[in-house]
Every structure is written in C-alpha cells, then in structure tokens.
PDB file of N, CA and C in Angstrom:
ATOM      1  N   MET A   1     -25.121-197.640-111.418  1.00  0.00           N
ATOM      2  CA  MET A   1     -25.920-198.365-110.464  1.00  0.00           C
ATOM      3  C   MET A   1     -25.980-199.826-110.909  1.00  0.00           C
ATOM      4  N   ASN A   2     -25.659-200.731-110.003  1.00  0.00           N
ATOM      5  CA  ASN A   2     -25.642-202.148-110.340  1.00  0.00           C
ATOM      6  C   ASN A   2     -27.011-202.773-110.090  1.00  0.00           C
ATOM      7  N   PHE A   3     -27.482-203.531-111.082  1.00  0.00           N
ATOM      8  CA  PHE A   3     -28.746-204.246-110.932  1.00  0.00           C
ATOM      9  C   PHE A   3     -28.730-205.489-111.792  1.00  0.00           C
ATOM     10  N   LYS A   4     -29.658-206.387-111.482  1.00  0.00           N
ATOM     11  CA  LYS A   4     -29.854-207.592-112.275  1.00  0.00           C
ATOM     12  C   LYS A   4     -31.277-207.589-112.782  1.00  0.00           C
ATOM     13  N   LYS A   5     -31.456-207.938-114.039  1.00  0.00           N
ATOM     14  CA  LYS A   5     -32.803-208.059-114.582  1.00  0.00           C
ATOM     15  C   LYS A   5     -33.359-209.418-114.179  1.00  0.00           C
ATOM     16  N   LYS A   6     -34.594-209.398-113.673  1.00  0.00           N
ATOM     17  CA  LYS A   6     -35.197-210.624-113.182  1.00  0.00           C
ATOM     18  C   LYS A   6     -36.714-210.507-113.247  1.00  0.00           C
ATOM     19  N   THR A   7     -37.381-211.606-113.521  1.00  0.00           N
ATOM     20  CA  THR A   7     -38.838-211.635-113.447  1.00  0.00           C
ATOM     21  C   THR A   7     -39.211-212.018-112.032  1.00  0.00           C
ATOM     22  N   VAL A   8     -40.060-211.204-111.416  1.00  0.00           N
ATOM     23  CA  VAL A   8     -40.451-211.444-110.022  1.00  0.00           C
ATOM     24  C   VAL A   8     -41.970-211.559-109.915  1.00  0.00           C
ATOM     25  N   LYS A   9     -42.407-212.248-108.891  1.00  0.00           N
ATOM     26  CA  LYS A   9     -43.826-212.361-108.577  1.00  0.00           C
ATOM     27  C   LYS A   9     -44.276-211.055-107.925  1.00  0.00           C
ATOM     28  N   LEU A  10     -45.402-210.526-108.377  1.00  0.00           N
ATOM     29  CA  LEU A  10     -45.920-209.299-107.779  1.00  0.00           C
ATOM     30  C   LEU A  10     -46.204-209.476-106.299  1.00  0.00           C
ATOM     31  N   ARG A  11     -46.567-210.677-105.891  1.00  0.00           N
ATOM     32  CA  ARG A  11     -46.868-210.920-104.476  1.00  0.00           C
ATOM     33  C   ARG A  11     -45.622-210.804-103.590  1.00  0.00           C
ATOM     34  N   CYS A  12     -44.439-210.806-104.185  1.00  0.00           N
ATOM     35  CA  CYS A  12     -43.190-210.683-103.423  1.00  0.00           C
ATOM     36  C   CYS A  12     -42.768-209.223-103.229  1.00  0.00           C
ATOM     37  N   ILE A  13     -43.543-208.300-103.792  1.00  0.00           N
ATOM     38  CA  ILE A  13     -43.227-206.873-103.685  1.00  0.00           C
ATOM     39  C   ILE A  13     -44.073-206.262-102.578  1.00  0.00           C
ATOM     40  N   ASP A  14     -43.408-205.579-101.649  1.00  0.00           N
ATOM     41  CA  ASP A  14     -44.098-204.904-100.550  1.00  0.00           C
ATOM     42  C   ASP A  14     -44.681-203.589-101.075  1.00  0.00           C
ATOM     43  N   LEU A  15     -45.967-203.585-101.341  1.00  0.00           N
ATOM     44  CA  LEU A  15     -46.628-202.408-101.906  1.00  0.00           C
ATOM     45  C   LEU A  15     -46.872-201.308-100.879  1.00  0.00           C
ATOM     46  N   LYS A  16     -46.720-201.622 -99.610  1.00  0.00           N
ATOM     47  CA  LYS A  16     -46.972-200.633 -98.557  1.00  0.00           C
ATOM     48  C   LYS A  16     -45.753-199.784 -98.242  1.00  0.00           C
ATOM     49  N   ASP A  17     -44.570-200.270 -98.571  1.00  0.00           N
ATOM     50  CA  ASP A  17     -43.337-199.528 -98.289  1.00  0.00           C
ATOM     51  C   ASP A  17     -43.128-198.503 -99.401  1.00  0.00           C
ATOM     52  N   ASP A  18     -43.370-197.242 -99.092  1.00  0.00           N
ATOM     53  CA  ASP A  18     -43.201-196.199-100.100  1.00  0.00           C
ATOM     54  C   ASP A  18     -42.105-195.205 -99.715  1.00  0.00           C
ATOM     55  N   ALA A  19     -41.086-195.697 -99.046  1.00  0.00           N
ATOM     56  CA  ALA A  19     -39.983-194.846 -98.591  1.00  0.00           C
ATOM     57  C   ALA A  19     -39.277-194.141 -99.752  1.00  0.00           C
ATOM     58  N   CYS A  20     -39.296-194.737-100.923  1.00  0.00           N
ATOM     59  CA  CYS A  20     -38.609-194.140-102.078  1.00  0.00           C
ATOM     60  C   CYS A  20     -39.557-193.372-102.991  1.00  0.00           C
ATOM     61  N   ARG A  21     -40.830-193.325-102.667  1.00  0.00           N
ATOM     62  CA  ARG A  21     -41.808-192.647-103.536  1.00  0.00           C
ATOM     63  C   ARG A  21     -41.534-191.151-103.547  1.00  0.00           C
ATOM     64  N   ILE A  22     -41.492-190.575-104.754  1.00  0.00           N
ATOM     65  CA  ILE A  22     -41.278-189.129-104.860  1.00  0.00           C
ATOM     66  C   ILE A  22     -42.463-188.441-105.529  1.00  0.00           C
ATOM     67  N   THR A  23     -43.423-189.200-105.989  1.00  0.00           N
ATOM     68  CA  THR A  23     -44.611-188.611-106.606  1.00  0.00           C
ATOM     69  C   THR A  23     -45.837-188.925-105.760  1.00  0.00           C
ATOM     70  N   THR A  24     -46.806-188.041-105.817  1.00  0.00           N
ATOM     71  CA  THR A  24     -48.046-188.291-105.098  1.00  0.00           C
ATOM     72  C   THR A  24     -49.137-188.794-106.032  1.00  0.00           C
ATOM     73  N   LYS A  25     -48.862-188.800-107.341  1.00  0.00           N
ATOM     74  CA  LYS A  25     -49.858-189.267-108.306  1.00  0.00           C
ATOM     75  C   LYS A  25     -50.039-190.770-108.150  1.00  0.00           C
ATOM     76  N   ALA A  26     -51.280-191.197-107.962  1.00  0.00           N
ATOM     77  CA  ALA A  26     -51.552-192.617-107.762  1.00  0.00           C
ATOM     78  C   ALA A  26     -52.440-193.200-108.860  1.00  0.00           C
ATOM     79  N   GLU A  27     -53.028-192.355-109.687  1.00  0.00           N
ATOM     80  CA  GLU A  27     -53.942-192.795-110.734  1.00  0.00           C
ATOM     81  C   GLU A  27     -53.213-193.698-111.735  1.00  0.00           C
ATOM     82  N   THR A  28     -53.841-194.807-112.090  1.00  0.00           N
ATOM     83  CA  THR A  28     -53.184-195.766-112.994  1.00  0.00           C
ATOM     84  C   THR A  28     -53.981-196.061-114.259  1.00  0.00           C
ATOM     85  N   ASP A  29     -55.106-195.393-114.475  1.00  0.00           N
ATOM     86  CA  ASP A  29     -55.929-195.706-115.644  1.00  0.00           C
ATOM     87  C   ASP A  29     -55.147-195.635-116.952  1.00  0.00           C
ATOM     88  N   ASP A  30     -54.330-194.578-117.118  1.00  0.00           N
ATOM     89  CA  ASP A  30     -53.552-194.429-118.343  1.00  0.00           C
ATOM     90  C   ASP A  30     -52.546-195.567-118.516  1.00  0.00           C
ATOM     91  N   LEU A  31     -51.923-195.967-117.434  1.00  0.00           N
ATOM     92  CA  LEU A  31     -50.945-197.052-117.511  1.00  0.00           C
ATOM     93  C   LEU A  31     -51.604-198.408-117.739  1.00  0.00           C
ATOM     94  N   VAL A  32     -52.789-198.613-117.183  1.00  0.00           N
ATOM     95  CA  VAL A  32     -53.505-199.871-117.410  1.00  0.00           C
ATOM     96  C   VAL A  32     -53.742-200.051-118.911  1.00  0.00           C
ATOM     97  N   VAL A  33     -54.190-198.990-119.573  1.00  0.00           N
ATOM     98  CA  VAL A  33     -54.436-199.058-121.013  1.00  0.00           C
ATOM     99  C   VAL A  33     -53.128-199.324-121.757  1.00  0.00           C
ATOM    100  N   SER A  34     -52.095-198.575-121.432  1.00  0.00           N
ATOM    101  CA  SER A  34     -50.805-198.715-122.101  1.00  0.00           C
ATOM    102  C   SER A  34     -50.194-200.102-121.899  1.00  0.00           C
ATOM    103  N   ILE A  35     -50.169-200.568-120.668  1.00  0.00           N
ATOM    104  CA  ILE A  35     -49.575-201.874-120.371  1.00  0.00           C
ATOM    105  C   ILE A  35     -50.402-202.987-120.990  1.00  0.00           C
ATOM    106  N   ASN A  36     -51.708-202.829-121.018  1.00  0.00           N
ATOM    107  CA  ASN A  36     -52.564-203.822-121.648  1.00  0.00           C
ATOM    108  C   ASN A  36     -52.269-203.909-123.145  1.00  0.00           C
ATOM    109  N   ASP A  37     -51.991-202.767-123.786  1.00  0.00           N
ATOM    110  CA  ASP A  37     -51.724-202.730-125.223  1.00  0.00           C
ATOM    111  C   ASP A  37     -50.283-203.107-125.578  1.00  0.00           C
ATOM    112  N   LEU A  38     -49.316-202.611-124.799  1.00  0.00           N
ATOM    113  CA  LEU A  38     -47.905-202.716-125.176  1.00  0.00           C
ATOM    114  C   LEU A  38     -47.028-203.508-124.211  1.00  0.00           C
ATOM    115  N   GLY A  39     -47.526-203.769-123.019  1.00  0.00           N
ATOM    116  CA  GLY A  39     -46.702-204.382-121.987  1.00  0.00           C
ATOM    117  C   GLY A  39     -45.945-203.311-121.216  1.00  0.00           C
ATOM    118  N   VAL A  40     -45.157-203.732-120.264  1.00  0.00           N
ATOM    119  CA  VAL A  40     -44.352-202.805-119.464  1.00  0.00           C
ATOM    120  C   VAL A  40     -43.104-202.470-120.276  1.00  0.00           C
ATOM    121  N   LEU A  41     -42.987-201.215-120.685  1.00  0.00           N
ATOM    122  CA  LEU A  41     -41.875-200.795-121.538  1.00  0.00           C
ATOM    123  C   LEU A  41     -40.617-200.449-120.748  1.00  0.00           C
ATOM    124  N   ASN A  42     -40.794-200.026-119.510  1.00  0.00           N
ATOM    125  CA  ASN A  42     -39.667-199.626-118.673  1.00  0.00           C
ATOM    126  C   ASN A  42     -39.784-200.372-117.349  1.00  0.00           C
ATOM    127  N   SER A  43     -38.930-201.342-117.149  1.00  0.00           N
ATOM    128  CA  SER A  43     -39.005-202.174-115.942  1.00  0.00           C
ATOM    129  C   SER A  43     -38.777-201.358-114.685  1.00  0.00           C
ATOM    130  N   PRO A  44     -39.559-201.633-113.638  1.00  0.00           N
ATOM    131  CA  PRO A  44     -39.367-200.915-112.375  1.00  0.00           C
ATOM    132  C   PRO A  44     -38.062-201.332-111.691  1.00  0.00           C
ATOM    133  N   TYR A  45     -37.581-200.463-110.819  1.00  0.00           N
ATOM    134  CA  TYR A  45     -36.421-200.766-109.979  1.00  0.00           C
ATOM    135  C   TYR A  45     -36.922-201.218-108.615  1.00  0.00           C
ATOM    136  N   LEU A  46     -36.373-202.321-108.138  1.00  0.00           N
ATOM    137  CA  LEU A  46     -36.706-202.864-106.824  1.00  0.00           C
ATOM    138  C   LEU A  46     -35.425-203.100-106.055  1.00  0.00           C
ATOM    139  N   ILE A  47     -35.545-203.191-104.740  1.00  0.00           N
ATOM    140  CA  ILE A  47     -34.399-203.548-103.905  1.00  0.00           C
ATOM    141  C   ILE A  47     -34.896-204.454-102.784  1.00  0.00           C
ATOM    142  N   LYS A  48     -34.069-205.402-102.408  1.00  0.00           N
ATOM    143  CA  LYS A  48     -34.447-206.348-101.357  1.00  0.00           C
ATOM    144  C   LYS A  48     -34.350-205.672 -99.996  1.00  0.00           C
ATOM    145  N   LYS A  49     -35.414-205.845 -99.204  1.00  0.00           N
ATOM    146  CA  LYS A  49     -35.432-205.332 -97.831  1.00  0.00           C
ATOM    147  C   LYS A  49     -36.061-206.419 -96.979  1.00  0.00           C
ATOM    148  N   ASN A  50     -35.290-206.954 -96.061  1.00  0.00           N
ATOM    149  CA  ASN A  50     -35.718-208.092 -95.250  1.00  0.00           C
ATOM    150  C   ASN A  50     -36.095-209.245 -96.177  1.00  0.00           C
ATOM    151  N   GLU A  51     -37.300-209.730 -96.100  1.00  0.00           N
ATOM    152  CA  GLU A  51     -37.712-210.862 -96.932  1.00  0.00           C
ATOM    153  C   GLU A  51     -38.436-210.443 -98.204  1.00  0.00           C
ATOM    154  N   ASN A  52     -38.735-209.148 -98.338  1.00  0.00           N
ATOM    155  CA  ASN A  52     -39.502-208.667 -99.481  1.00  0.00           C
ATOM    156  C   ASN A  52     -38.664-207.787-100.387  1.00  0.00           C
ATOM    157  N   LEU A  53     -39.255-207.452-101.513  1.00  0.00           N
ATOM    158  CA  LEU A  53     -38.687-206.456-102.406  1.00  0.00           C
ATOM    159  C   LEU A  53     -39.486-205.175-102.212  1.00  0.00           C
ATOM    160  N   ILE A  54     -38.802-204.044-102.211  1.00  0.00           N
ATOM    161  CA  ILE A  54     -39.509-202.770-102.131  1.00  0.00           C
ATOM    162  C   ILE A  54     -39.286-202.013-103.436  1.00  0.00           C
ATOM    163  N   ILE A  55     -40.211-201.124-103.719  1.00  0.00           N
ATOM    164  CA  ILE A  55     -40.174-200.366-104.966  1.00  0.00           C
ATOM    165  C   ILE A  55     -39.313-199.123-104.786  1.00  0.00           C
ATOM    166  N   VAL A  56     -38.383-198.940-105.713  1.00  0.00           N
ATOM    167  CA  VAL A  56     -37.578-197.723-105.751  1.00  0.00           C
ATOM    168  C   VAL A  56     -38.163-196.788-106.810  1.00  0.00           C
ATOM    169  N   CYS A  57     -38.525-197.348-107.937  1.00  0.00           N
ATOM    170  CA  CYS A  57     -39.072-196.581-109.045  1.00  0.00           C
ATOM    171  C   CYS A  57     -40.047-197.480-109.797  1.00  0.00           C
ATOM    172  N   GLY A  58     -41.277-197.006-109.998  1.00  0.00           N
ATOM    173  CA  GLY A  58     -42.246-197.788-110.751  1.00  0.00           C
ATOM    174  C   GLY A  58     -43.502-198.120-109.964  1.00  0.00           C
ATOM    175  N   PHE A  59     -43.819-197.321-108.981  1.00  0.00           N
ATOM    176  CA  PHE A  59     -44.999-197.573-108.139  1.00  0.00           C
ATOM    177  C   PHE A  59     -46.266-197.707-108.972  1.00  0.00           C
ATOM    178  N   ARG A  60     -46.484-196.775-109.892  1.00  0.00           N
ATOM    179  CA  ARG A  60     -47.701-196.793-110.691  1.00  0.00           C
ATOM    180  C   ARG A  60     -47.718-197.953-111.689  1.00  0.00           C
ATOM    181  N   ARG A  61     -46.572-198.264-112.265  1.00  0.00           N
ATOM    182  CA  ARG A  61     -46.507-199.398-113.201  1.00  0.00           C
ATOM    183  C   ARG A  61     -46.872-200.700-112.500  1.00  0.00           C
ATOM    184  N   ILE A  62     -46.352-200.882-111.301  1.00  0.00           N
ATOM    185  CA  ILE A  62     -46.642-202.104-110.547  1.00  0.00           C
ATOM    186  C   ILE A  62     -48.111-202.148-110.151  1.00  0.00           C
ATOM    187  N   ALA A  63     -48.660-201.013-109.723  1.00  0.00           N
ATOM    188  CA  ALA A  63     -50.082-200.965-109.370  1.00  0.00           C
ATOM    189  C   ALA A  63     -50.954-201.281-110.589  1.00  0.00           C
ATOM    190  N   ALA A  64     -50.576-200.771-111.751  1.00  0.00           N
ATOM    191  CA  ALA A  64     -51.332-201.047-112.977  1.00  0.00           C
ATOM    192  C   ALA A  64     -51.268-202.532-113.332  1.00  0.00           C
ATOM    193  N   CYS A  65     -50.118-203.131-113.165  1.00  0.00           N
ATOM    194  CA  CYS A  65     -49.976-204.566-113.444  1.00  0.00           C
ATOM    195  C   CYS A  65     -50.856-205.385-112.510  1.00  0.00           C
ATOM    196  N   LYS A  66     -50.920-204.992-111.258  1.00  0.00           N
ATOM    197  CA  LYS A  66     -51.807-205.683-110.311  1.00  0.00           C
ATOM    198  C   LYS A  66     -53.263-205.540-110.738  1.00  0.00           C
ATOM    199  N   ARG A  67     -53.648-204.336-111.158  1.00  0.00           N
ATOM    200  CA  ARG A  67     -55.019-204.123-111.623  1.00  0.00           C
ATOM    201  C   ARG A  67     -55.351-204.997-112.824  1.00  0.00           C
ATOM    202  N   LEU A  68     -54.359-205.255-113.661  1.00  0.00           N
ATOM    203  CA  LEU A  68     -54.560-206.092-114.844  1.00  0.00           C
ATOM    204  C   LEU A  68     -54.557-207.582-114.510  1.00  0.00           C
ATOM    205  N   GLY A  69     -54.294-207.913-113.260  1.00  0.00           N
ATOM    206  CA  GLY A  69     -54.298-209.313-112.845  1.00  0.00           C
ATOM    207  C   GLY A  69     -53.025-210.063-113.186  1.00  0.00           C
ATOM    208  N   MET A  70     -51.976-209.322-113.505  1.00  0.00           N
ATOM    209  CA  MET A  70     -50.690-209.964-113.804  1.00  0.00           C
ATOM    210  C   MET A  70     -50.114-210.557-112.521  1.00  0.00           C
ATOM    211  N   SER A  71     -49.363-211.625-112.656  1.00  0.00           N
ATOM    212  CA  SER A  71     -48.754-212.233-111.481  1.00  0.00           C
ATOM    213  C   SER A  71     -47.240-211.999-111.431  1.00  0.00           C
ATOM    214  N   ASP A  72     -46.626-211.715-112.577  1.00  0.00           N
ATOM    215  CA  ASP A  72     -45.177-211.516-112.671  1.00  0.00           C
ATOM    216  C   ASP A  72     -44.878-210.194-113.366  1.00  0.00           C
ATOM    217  N   ILE A  73     -43.676-209.673-113.104  1.00  0.00           N
ATOM    218  CA  ILE A  73     -43.222-208.472-113.790  1.00  0.00           C
ATOM    219  C   ILE A  73     -41.706-208.552-113.956  1.00  0.00           C
ATOM    220  N   ALA A  74     -41.216-208.118-115.111  1.00  0.00           N
ATOM    221  CA  ALA A  74     -39.780-208.003-115.325  1.00  0.00           C
ATOM    222  C   ALA A  74     -39.308-206.769-114.567  1.00  0.00           C
ATOM    223  N   ALA A  75     -38.267-206.912-113.779  1.00  0.00           N
ATOM    224  CA  ALA A  75     -37.806-205.807-112.936  1.00  0.00           C
ATOM    225  C   ALA A  75     -36.286-205.737-112.932  1.00  0.00           C
ATOM    226  N   ARG A  76     -35.795-204.611-112.466  1.00  0.00           N
ATOM    227  CA  ARG A  76     -34.359-204.421-112.238  1.00  0.00           C
ATOM    228  C   ARG A  76     -34.168-204.480-110.731  1.00  0.00           C
ATOM    229  N   ILE A  77     -33.436-205.475-110.282  1.00  0.00           N
ATOM    230  CA  ILE A  77     -33.190-205.653-108.844  1.00  0.00           C
ATOM    231  C   ILE A  77     -31.850-205.002-108.516  1.00  0.00           C
ATOM    232  N   LEU A  78     -31.910-203.949-107.734  1.00  0.00           N
ATOM    233  CA  LEU A  78     -30.693-203.216-107.370  1.00  0.00           C
ATOM    234  C   LEU A  78     -29.864-203.995-106.363  1.00  0.00           C
ATOM    235  N   ASP A  79     -28.564-203.779-106.422  1.00  0.00           N
ATOM    236  CA  ASP A  79     -27.651-204.350-105.456  1.00  0.00           C
ATOM    237  C   ASP A  79     -28.032-203.853-104.067  1.00  0.00           C
ATOM    238  N   PRO A  80     -28.104-204.734-103.059  1.00  0.00           N
ATOM    239  CA  PRO A  80     -28.528-204.322-101.720  1.00  0.00           C
ATOM    240  C   PRO A  80     -27.642-203.247-101.080  1.00  0.00           C
ATOM    241  N   ASP A  81     -26.431-203.076-101.576  1.00  0.00           N
ATOM    242  CA  ASP A  81     -25.521-202.075-101.014  1.00  0.00           C
ATOM    243  C   ASP A  81     -25.726-200.683-101.611  1.00  0.00           C
ATOM    244  N   THR A  82     -26.706-200.531-102.493  1.00  0.00           N
ATOM    245  CA  THR A  82     -26.978-199.232-103.098  1.00  0.00           C
ATOM    246  C   THR A  82     -27.353-198.237-102.007  1.00  0.00           C
ATOM    247  N   LYS A  83     -26.685-197.098-102.003  1.00  0.00           N
ATOM    248  CA  LYS A  83     -26.915-196.095-100.957  1.00  0.00           C
ATOM    249  C   LYS A  83     -28.228-195.348-101.197  1.00  0.00           C
ATOM    250  N   LYS A  84     -28.829-194.862-100.111  1.00  0.00           N
ATOM    251  CA  LYS A  84     -30.136-194.192-100.192  1.00  0.00           C
ATOM    252  C   LYS A  84     -30.134-193.003-101.142  1.00  0.00           C
ATOM    253  N   ASN A  85     -29.053-192.215-101.164  1.00  0.00           N
ATOM    254  CA  ASN A  85     -29.050-191.049-102.042  1.00  0.00           C
ATOM    255  C   ASN A  85     -29.067-191.474-103.510  1.00  0.00           C
ATOM    256  N   ARG A  86     -28.505-192.614-103.829  1.00  0.00           N
ATOM    257  CA  ARG A  86     -28.552-193.122-105.201  1.00  0.00           C
ATOM    258  C   ARG A  86     -29.941-193.649-105.523  1.00  0.00           C
ATOM    259  N   LEU A  87     -30.653-194.156-104.513  1.00  0.00           N
ATOM    260  CA  LEU A  87     -32.018-194.633-104.744  1.00  0.00           C
ATOM    261  C   LEU A  87     -32.918-193.473-105.139  1.00  0.00           C
ATOM    262  N   ARG A  88     -32.749-192.345-104.484  1.00  0.00           N
ATOM    263  CA  ARG A  88     -33.563-191.178-104.815  1.00  0.00           C
ATOM    264  C   ARG A  88     -33.300-190.751-106.264  1.00  0.00           C
ATOM    265  N   LYS A  89     -32.036-190.799-106.712  1.00  0.00           N
ATOM    266  CA  LYS A  89     -31.714-190.449-108.082  1.00  0.00           C
ATOM    267  C   LYS A  89     -32.361-191.424-109.055  1.00  0.00           C
ATOM    268  N   ALA A  90     -32.429-192.702-108.716  1.00  0.00           N
ATOM    269  CA  ALA A  90     -33.087-193.680-109.586  1.00  0.00           C
ATOM    270  C   ALA A  90     -34.555-193.325-109.734  1.00  0.00           C
ATOM    271  N   GLY A  91     -35.175-192.895-108.665  1.00  0.00           N
ATOM    272  CA  GLY A  91     -36.566-192.487-108.710  1.00  0.00           C
ATOM    273  C   GLY A  91     -36.786-191.248-109.554  1.00  0.00           C
ATOM    274  N   ASP A  92     -35.770-190.389-109.625  1.00  0.00           N
ATOM    275  CA  ASP A  92     -35.878-189.159-110.402  1.00  0.00           C
ATOM    276  C   ASP A  92     -35.636-189.376-111.892  1.00  0.00           C
ATOM    277  N   SER A  93     -35.178-190.556-112.291  1.00  0.00           N
ATOM    278  CA  SER A  93     -34.744-190.771-113.674  1.00  0.00           C
ATOM    279  C   SER A  93     -35.871-191.094-114.640  1.00  0.00           C
ATOM    280  N   ARG A  94     -37.094-190.889-114.244  1.00  0.00           N
ATOM    281  CA  ARG A  94     -38.217-191.234-115.140  1.00  0.00           C
ATOM    282  C   ARG A  94     -38.343-190.286-116.260  1.00  0.00           C
TER     283      ARG A  94
END
C-alpha cells in the first residue's frame, strides 16, 4: 500500500465520515492517557476525499488527540487510487 508520511491539521480531517470504520468502540479514555504520556505511537491512515481527509484507520487515536487539544497529527496519507477492498484491510491491520 502506497502512502506518504505527513503532519496534518486535525481540522482538515472529516471526523463524520466513518465509511471505513470497522469497530464500534468509541471510548478514548485509555488512549488519552497513553497519548498524553507517550505520544501517538502508530500513525493513523488517512485518504483524501474531495477537499478533506477521511480516516481509514485510527478513529480513536484521532478522537483522543482532539480531546487532548492537539492541533496536528503525524499521519500516513494513502494514495488516492487505493481500492476500497485494500482500505478495509488497512483498517484490519491494527
């Protein structure tokens, strides 16, 4: 899977688009503590859709970063030509 590592503004991520979400767990308390202590250890995967970035993998990490008041996050930006079935596999790779 082709991607580029990039620091992005959290405000540029569409948090409402959950087309790639495969988990229903939304609780972030554990991640808030972890990210506050250690930072984000595994960068989320994002892909460009229209003018925004959407989350492929890392919904809870991004939500925890927002709760912590962070404005930027290091992310993996997937190539826009990545097929949907490969996106689902990226989400499963946690």
